[in-house]
Amino acid sequence: RVLNLCGNPIGDSAIRALSKAICQSRLEAAELRTCAISDKGCSALAEMMTSSRLSHLDCSFNAFGEDGSKVLANAFKQGCRLRKFHFSHNTM
């Protein structure tokens, strides 16, 4: 149960819509490398981290920086279920 959208520049608005679907699904992993996600899309990533069944999330090589990273760090404080999280090569 893996969703792989690597290399598809879906951007922030699509990631917000996708987040709602992922939170209602049985997906265990989401590969979102190089999807043109910026700071604005990090709230949707955080929602996935805290409200879905995902145990693996890869959002490396996107365009979020310090503000987006803070949103993601806060998701960990809220009790996300991820066992693997990759976010290297962003603009932080």
C-alpha atoms as a PDB file:
ATOM      1  CA  ARG A   1       0.000   0.000   0.000  1.00  0.00           C
ATOM      2  CA  VAL A   2       2.322   2.655  -1.337  1.00  0.00           C
ATOM      3  CA  LEU A   3       1.540   5.838  -3.220  1.00  0.00           C
ATOM      4  CA  ASN A   4       4.460   6.942  -5.373  1.00  0.00           C
ATOM      5  CA  LEU A   5       4.160  10.374  -6.958  1.00  0.00           C
ATOM      6  CA  CYS A   6       7.898  11.078  -7.184  1.00  0.00           C
ATOM      7  CA  GLY A   7       8.815  13.525  -9.895  1.00  0.00           C
ATOM      8  CA  ASN A   8       5.281  14.780 -10.438  1.00  0.00           C
ATOM      9  CA  PRO A   9       5.166  18.530  -9.727  1.00  0.00           C
ATOM     10  CA  ILE A  10       1.732  18.413  -8.109  1.00  0.00           C
ATOM     11  CA  GLY A  11       2.366  21.414  -5.832  1.00  0.00           C
ATOM     12  CA  ASP A  12       0.637  22.712  -2.733  1.00  0.00           C
ATOM     13  CA  SER A  13      -3.010  22.787  -3.811  1.00  0.00           C
ATOM     14  CA  ALA A  14      -2.921  19.176  -5.001  1.00  0.00           C
ATOM     15  CA  ILE A  15      -1.128  18.014  -1.865  1.00  0.00           C
ATOM     16  CA  ARG A  16      -3.895  19.560   0.246  1.00  0.00           C
ATOM     17  CA  ALA A  17      -6.557  17.601  -1.655  1.00  0.00           C
ATOM     18  CA  LEU A  18      -4.430  14.470  -1.606  1.00  0.00           C
ATOM     19  CA  SER A  19      -3.919  14.750   2.137  1.00  0.00           C
ATOM     20  CA  LYS A  20      -7.631  14.389   2.791  1.00  0.00           C
ATOM     21  CA  ALA A  21      -7.763  11.243   0.659  1.00  0.00           C
ATOM     22  CA  ILE A  22      -4.663   9.752   2.284  1.00  0.00           C
ATOM     23  CA  CYS A  23      -6.087  10.348   5.756  1.00  0.00           C
ATOM     24  CA  GLN A  24      -9.131   8.287   4.801  1.00  0.00           C
ATOM     25  CA  SER A  25      -7.153   5.506   3.140  1.00  0.00           C
ATOM     26  CA  ARG A  26      -5.183   2.480   4.250  1.00  0.00           C
ATOM     27  CA  LEU A  27      -1.959   3.653   2.676  1.00  0.00           C
ATOM     28  CA  GLU A  28       1.177   2.823   4.616  1.00  0.00           C
ATOM     29  CA  ALA A  29       3.704   4.835   2.620  1.00  0.00           C
ATOM     30  CA  ALA A  30       3.741   7.984   0.510  1.00  0.00           C
ATOM     31  CA  GLU A  31       6.663   8.787  -1.775  1.00  0.00           C
ATOM     32  CA  LEU A  32       6.421  12.506  -2.519  1.00  0.00           C
ATOM     33  CA  ARG A  33       9.969  13.330  -3.640  1.00  0.00           C
ATOM     34  CA  THR A  34      10.320  16.202  -6.111  1.00  0.00           C
ATOM     35  CA  CYS A  35       6.631  17.166  -6.051  1.00  0.00           C
ATOM     36  CA  ALA A  36       7.067  20.972  -5.834  1.00  0.00           C
ATOM     37  CA  ILE A  37       5.716  21.182  -2.273  1.00  0.00           C
ATOM     38  CA  SER A  38       6.520  24.508  -0.574  1.00  0.00           C
ATOM     39  CA  ASP A  39       5.979  25.853   2.946  1.00  0.00           C
ATOM     40  CA  LYS A  40       2.296  26.306   2.075  1.00  0.00           C
ATOM     41  CA  GLY A  41       1.880  22.560   1.535  1.00  0.00           C
ATOM     42  CA  CYS A  42       3.517  21.530   4.797  1.00  0.00           C
ATOM     43  CA  SER A  43       0.284  21.833   6.768  1.00  0.00           C
ATOM     44  CA  ALA A  44      -1.155  19.124   4.504  1.00  0.00           C
ATOM     45  CA  LEU A  45       1.938  16.969   5.057  1.00  0.00           C
ATOM     46  CA  ALA A  46       1.549  17.486   8.812  1.00  0.00           C
ATOM     47  CA  GLU A  47      -2.079  16.404   8.582  1.00  0.00           C
ATOM     48  CA  MET A  48      -0.950  13.204   6.858  1.00  0.00           C
ATOM     49  CA  MET A  49       1.631  12.645   9.578  1.00  0.00           C
ATOM     50  CA  THR A  50      -0.874  12.900  12.420  1.00  0.00           C
ATOM     51  CA  SER A  51      -4.183  11.724  10.944  1.00  0.00           C
ATOM     52  CA  SER A  52      -3.349   8.873   8.572  1.00  0.00           C
ATOM     53  CA  ARG A  53      -2.054   5.326   8.782  1.00  0.00           C
ATOM     54  CA  LEU A  54       1.224   6.247   7.118  1.00  0.00           C
ATOM     55  CA  SER A  55       4.334   4.740   8.646  1.00  0.00           C
ATOM     56  CA  HIS A  56       6.654   6.053   5.908  1.00  0.00           C
ATOM     57  CA  LEU A  57       6.722   9.500   4.300  1.00  0.00           C
ATOM     58  CA  ASP A  58       9.377  10.731   1.889  1.00  0.00           C
ATOM     59  CA  CYS A  59       9.099  14.397   0.965  1.00  0.00           C
ATOM     60  CA  SER A  60      12.717  14.988  -0.015  1.00  0.00           C
ATOM     61  CA  PHE A  61      13.743  17.320  -2.844  1.00  0.00           C
ATOM     62  CA  ASN A  62      10.819  19.717  -2.471  1.00  0.00           C
ATOM     63  CA  ALA A  63      10.792  23.470  -1.892  1.00  0.00           C
ATOM     64  CA  PHE A  64       9.880  23.971   1.738  1.00  0.00           C
ATOM     65  CA  GLY A  65      12.137  25.852   4.094  1.00  0.00           C
ATOM     66  CA  GLU A  66      12.318  26.813   7.732  1.00  0.00           C
ATOM     67  CA  ASP A  67       8.632  27.723   8.149  1.00  0.00           C
ATOM     68  CA  GLY A  68       7.463  24.442   6.638  1.00  0.00           C
ATOM     69  CA  SER A  69       9.996  22.496   8.672  1.00  0.00           C
ATOM     70  CA  LYS A  70       8.593  24.011  11.861  1.00  0.00           C
ATOM     71  CA  VAL A  71       5.094  22.857  10.883  1.00  0.00           C
ATOM     72  CA  LEU A  72       6.414  19.329  10.325  1.00  0.00           C
ATOM     73  CA  ALA A  73       8.328  19.349  13.614  1.00  0.00           C
ATOM     74  CA  ASN A  74       5.132  20.324  15.399  1.00  0.00           C
ATOM     75  CA  ALA A  75       3.393  17.295  13.860  1.00  0.00           C
ATOM     76  CA  PHE A  76       5.924  15.059  15.598  1.00  0.00           C
ATOM     77  CA  LYS A  77       5.065  16.744  18.898  1.00  0.00           C
ATOM     78  CA  GLN A  78       1.375  16.009  18.277  1.00  0.00           C
ATOM     79  CA  GLY A  79       2.045  12.292  18.036  1.00  0.00           C
ATOM     80  CA  CYS A  80       2.566  11.251  14.447  1.00  0.00           C
ATOM     81  CA  ARG A  81       2.808   7.539  13.636  1.00  0.00           C
ATOM     82  CA  LEU A  82       5.703   7.673  11.188  1.00  0.00           C
ATOM     83  CA  ARG A  83       8.567   5.253  11.613  1.00  0.00           C
ATOM     84  CA  LYS A  84      10.462   6.574   8.583  1.00  0.00           C
ATOM     85  CA  PHE A  85      10.533  10.198   7.505  1.00  0.00           C
ATOM     86  CA  HIS A  86      12.768  11.655   4.805  1.00  0.00           C
ATOM     87  CA  PHE A  87      12.931  15.362   4.070  1.00  0.00           C
ATOM     88  CA  SER A  88      16.455  16.016   2.860  1.00  0.00           C
ATOM     89  CA  HIS A  89      17.350  18.431   0.080  1.00  0.00           C
ATOM     90  CA  ASN A  90      14.716  21.059   0.757  1.00  0.00           C
ATOM     91  CA  THR A  91      15.501  24.767   0.895  1.00  0.00           C
ATOM     92  CA  MET A  92      16.122  25.001   4.646  1.00  0.00           C
END
